[in-house]
Amino acid sequence: MQFNDAAGFGGIIAFFLFLSLIFFIIHVAICVWAYRDAIRKGRSQEFALLVIVALFFFPILGFIVYLLIRNDNYSRYR
């Protein structure tokens, strides 16, 4: 009985490690995308680095704020 419990616990740990790896990859991809987007939109290098730092420490809130303040080329009211 104890061996089966340990094997099930190991599976749970493996699942959460895999899930955290997926979230980390998504986090890095969002940071890279935001940096490239800021540079592509004509922002300064310092602004792009500030975006990366904000996204690194505050991933969800930083991403939402960046999406709100980024400079769109298309007007929403046309």
Foldseek 3Di string as FASTA:
>chain_A
DVVVVVVVVVVVVVVVVVVVVVVVVVLVVLLVVQLVLCVVLPHDNVVNVVLSVCCVVPVPVSSVVSVVPPDDPDDPPD
